[in-house]
């Protein structure tokens, strides 16, 4: 029955650490940008050192914010990469 199937899903979710949601369009676009930046710098994200990951994540963040500011015609201040 449907109730039994729902219970099975709950058991599987609990074993996996919880439920997940399908990524939205922006999340997918951000992930695509991240891997594009990785490719640009010759970095394999899942094998990267913490320093390499930080670098590509910061480049991605700043690029994403600039792209969104341009499309939204926003003049909001964007914190530069590697700012202290």
Protein backbone atom coordinates (compact mmCIF):
# COMPACT_ATOMS: atom_id res chain seq x y z
CA UNK A 1 0.00 0.00 0.00
CA UNK A 2 0.97 3.65 -0.23
CA UNK A 3 1.46 3.91 3.52
CA UNK A 4 3.94 1.02 3.50
CA UNK A 5 5.86 2.65 0.65
CA UNK A 6 5.97 5.96 2.54
CA UNK A 7 7.36 4.16 5.57
CA UNK A 8 10.07 2.52 3.44
CA UNK A 9 11.09 5.93 2.15
CA UNK A 10 11.29 7.24 5.72
CA UNK A 11 13.51 4.32 6.76
CA UNK A 12 15.81 4.84 3.77
CA UNK A 13 15.98 8.59 4.40
CA UNK A 14 16.87 8.02 8.05
CA UNK A 15 19.68 5.64 7.05
CA UNK A 16 20.99 8.23 4.58
CA UNK A 17 20.95 11.04 7.14
CA UNK A 18 17.73 12.75 6.13
CA UNK A 19 15.72 13.85 3.15
CA UNK A 20 17.04 15.83 0.23
CA UNK A 21 15.42 18.27 -2.13
CA UNK A 22 15.92 18.57 -5.85
CA UNK A 23 18.23 21.51 -6.60
CA UNK A 24 16.59 24.55 -8.11
CA UNK A 25 17.71 26.31 -11.29
CA UNK A 26 20.02 28.74 -9.48
CA UNK A 27 21.72 25.96 -7.51
CA UNK A 28 22.37 24.04 -10.71
CA UNK A 29 23.70 27.16 -12.45
CA UNK A 30 26.02 27.89 -9.49
CA UNK A 31 27.32 24.32 -9.54
CA UNK A 32 27.92 24.56 -13.29
CA UNK A 33 29.84 27.79 -12.73
CA UNK A 34 31.92 26.20 -9.96
CA UNK A 35 32.98 23.31 -12.18
CA UNK A 36 33.63 25.71 -15.06
CA UNK A 37 35.99 27.69 -12.82
CA UNK A 38 37.65 24.44 -11.74
CA UNK A 39 38.15 23.49 -15.38
CA UNK A 40 39.51 26.96 -16.18
CA UNK A 41 42.23 26.56 -13.54
CA UNK A 42 42.85 22.84 -14.09
CA UNK A 43 41.56 21.87 -10.64
CA UNK A 44 39.59 18.71 -9.96
CA UNK A 45 37.31 19.83 -7.14
CA UNK A 46 36.93 16.49 -5.37
CA UNK A 47 40.69 15.88 -5.39
CA UNK A 48 41.65 19.48 -4.63
CA UNK A 49 43.60 20.60 -1.60
CA UNK A 50 41.76 22.82 0.89
CA UNK A 51 43.67 25.82 -0.52
CA UNK A 52 42.64 24.98 -4.10
CA UNK A 53 39.01 24.50 -3.04
CA UNK A 54 38.98 27.82 -1.23
CA UNK A 55 40.41 29.50 -4.32
CA UNK A 56 37.86 28.13 -6.80
CA UNK A 57 34.99 28.67 -4.35
CA UNK A 58 35.96 32.34 -3.92
CA UNK A 59 36.39 32.91 -7.65
CA UNK A 60 33.01 31.27 -8.21
CA UNK A 61 31.32 33.35 -5.48
CA UNK A 62 32.63 36.65 -6.82
CA UNK A 63 31.84 35.72 -10.43
CA UNK A 64 28.31 34.66 -9.42
CA UNK A 65 27.71 37.90 -7.53
CA UNK A 66 28.97 39.99 -10.45
CA UNK A 67 26.75 38.10 -12.90
CA UNK A 68 23.71 38.53 -10.68
CA UNK A 69 24.45 42.21 -10.10
CA UNK A 70 24.58 42.76 -13.85
CA UNK A 71 21.31 40.95 -14.52
CA UNK A 72 19.56 42.68 -11.63
CA UNK A 73 21.17 46.03 -12.49
CA UNK A 74 22.25 46.18 -8.87
CA UNK A 75 24.99 48.41 -7.57
CA UNK A 76 25.31 46.57 -4.29
CA UNK A 77 28.85 46.28 -2.98
CA UNK A 78 30.43 42.91 -3.65
CA UNK A 79 33.09 41.81 -1.18
CA UNK A 80 36.24 41.18 -3.23
CA UNK A 81 37.75 37.72 -3.29
CA UNK A 82 40.30 37.09 -0.58
CA UNK A 83 39.38 40.28 1.31
CA UNK A 84 40.20 40.32 4.99
